[in-house]
Amino acid sequence: MRRITNPKHPNVDQVGTTVEYEGEPHQITDVGGSYFAVVRIRDGYGKNVKIREINGD
């Protein structure tokens, strides 16, 4: 997977991982600012989600 984000972002190591979000598996495809770009594995639907919603506080 090609990384778009500057490697200095504190959460850049999570790009490419699969996480549970809204009860379904999603893959983190990019990170920027305070948002992750996540794609739902089931159908490829993508959306931006706040990092704290994925990682907690």
Protein backbone atom coordinates (compact mmCIF):
# COMPACT_ATOMS: atom_id res chain seq x y z
CA MET A 1 0.00 0.00 0.00
CA ARG A 2 1.36 3.40 -0.95
CA ARG A 3 1.45 5.85 1.94
CA ILE A 4 0.31 9.38 1.09
CA THR A 5 0.77 10.98 4.51
CA ASN A 6 3.96 12.58 5.74
CA PRO A 7 5.67 9.96 7.95
CA LYS A 8 6.00 12.48 10.79
CA HIS A 9 2.31 12.16 11.71
CA PRO A 10 2.02 10.45 15.14
CA ASN A 11 -0.57 7.91 13.90
CA VAL A 12 1.06 7.06 10.55
CA ASP A 13 2.02 3.60 11.83
CA GLN A 14 -1.68 2.64 11.94
CA VAL A 15 -2.19 3.07 8.18
CA GLY A 16 -3.02 -0.30 6.64
CA THR A 17 -4.39 -1.86 9.82
CA THR A 18 -7.87 -3.31 10.20
CA VAL A 19 -10.04 -1.89 13.00
CA GLU A 20 -13.53 -2.52 14.31
CA TYR A 21 -15.72 0.57 13.77
CA GLU A 22 -19.53 0.73 14.04
CA GLY A 23 -19.59 -3.04 14.52
CA GLU A 24 -17.88 -3.85 11.20
CA PRO A 25 -14.25 -4.28 10.12
CA HIS A 26 -12.72 -1.24 8.42
CA GLN A 27 -9.23 -0.65 7.04
CA ILE A 28 -7.37 2.59 7.71
CA THR A 29 -6.11 3.86 4.35
CA ASP A 30 -4.79 7.35 5.20
CA VAL A 31 -4.31 9.75 8.09
CA GLY A 32 -4.20 13.51 8.16
CA GLY A 33 -4.85 16.16 10.78
CA SER A 34 -7.26 14.65 13.30
CA TYR A 35 -8.95 12.23 10.87
CA PHE A 36 -8.44 8.70 9.58
CA ALA A 37 -9.71 7.75 6.13
CA VAL A 38 -11.33 4.33 6.66
CA VAL A 39 -12.80 1.92 4.11
CA ARG A 40 -15.41 -0.68 5.06
CA ILE A 41 -14.12 -4.13 4.09
CA ARG A 42 -17.58 -5.50 3.16
CA ASP A 43 -18.35 -3.10 0.31
CA GLY A 44 -15.50 -0.59 0.00
CA TYR A 45 -17.46 2.38 1.38
CA GLY A 46 -15.01 5.05 2.54
CA LYS A 47 -15.40 7.84 5.05
CA ASN A 48 -13.36 10.13 7.27
CA VAL A 49 -13.49 9.39 10.98
CA LYS A 50 -11.95 11.30 13.87
CA ILE A 51 -8.87 9.56 15.27
CA ARG A 52 -10.25 9.70 18.81
CA GLU A 53 -13.36 7.73 17.69
CA ILE A 54 -11.08 4.87 16.60
CA ASN A 55 -8.42 5.03 19.32
CA GLY A 56 -10.49 6.44 22.18
CA ASP A 57 -9.29 9.36 24.28
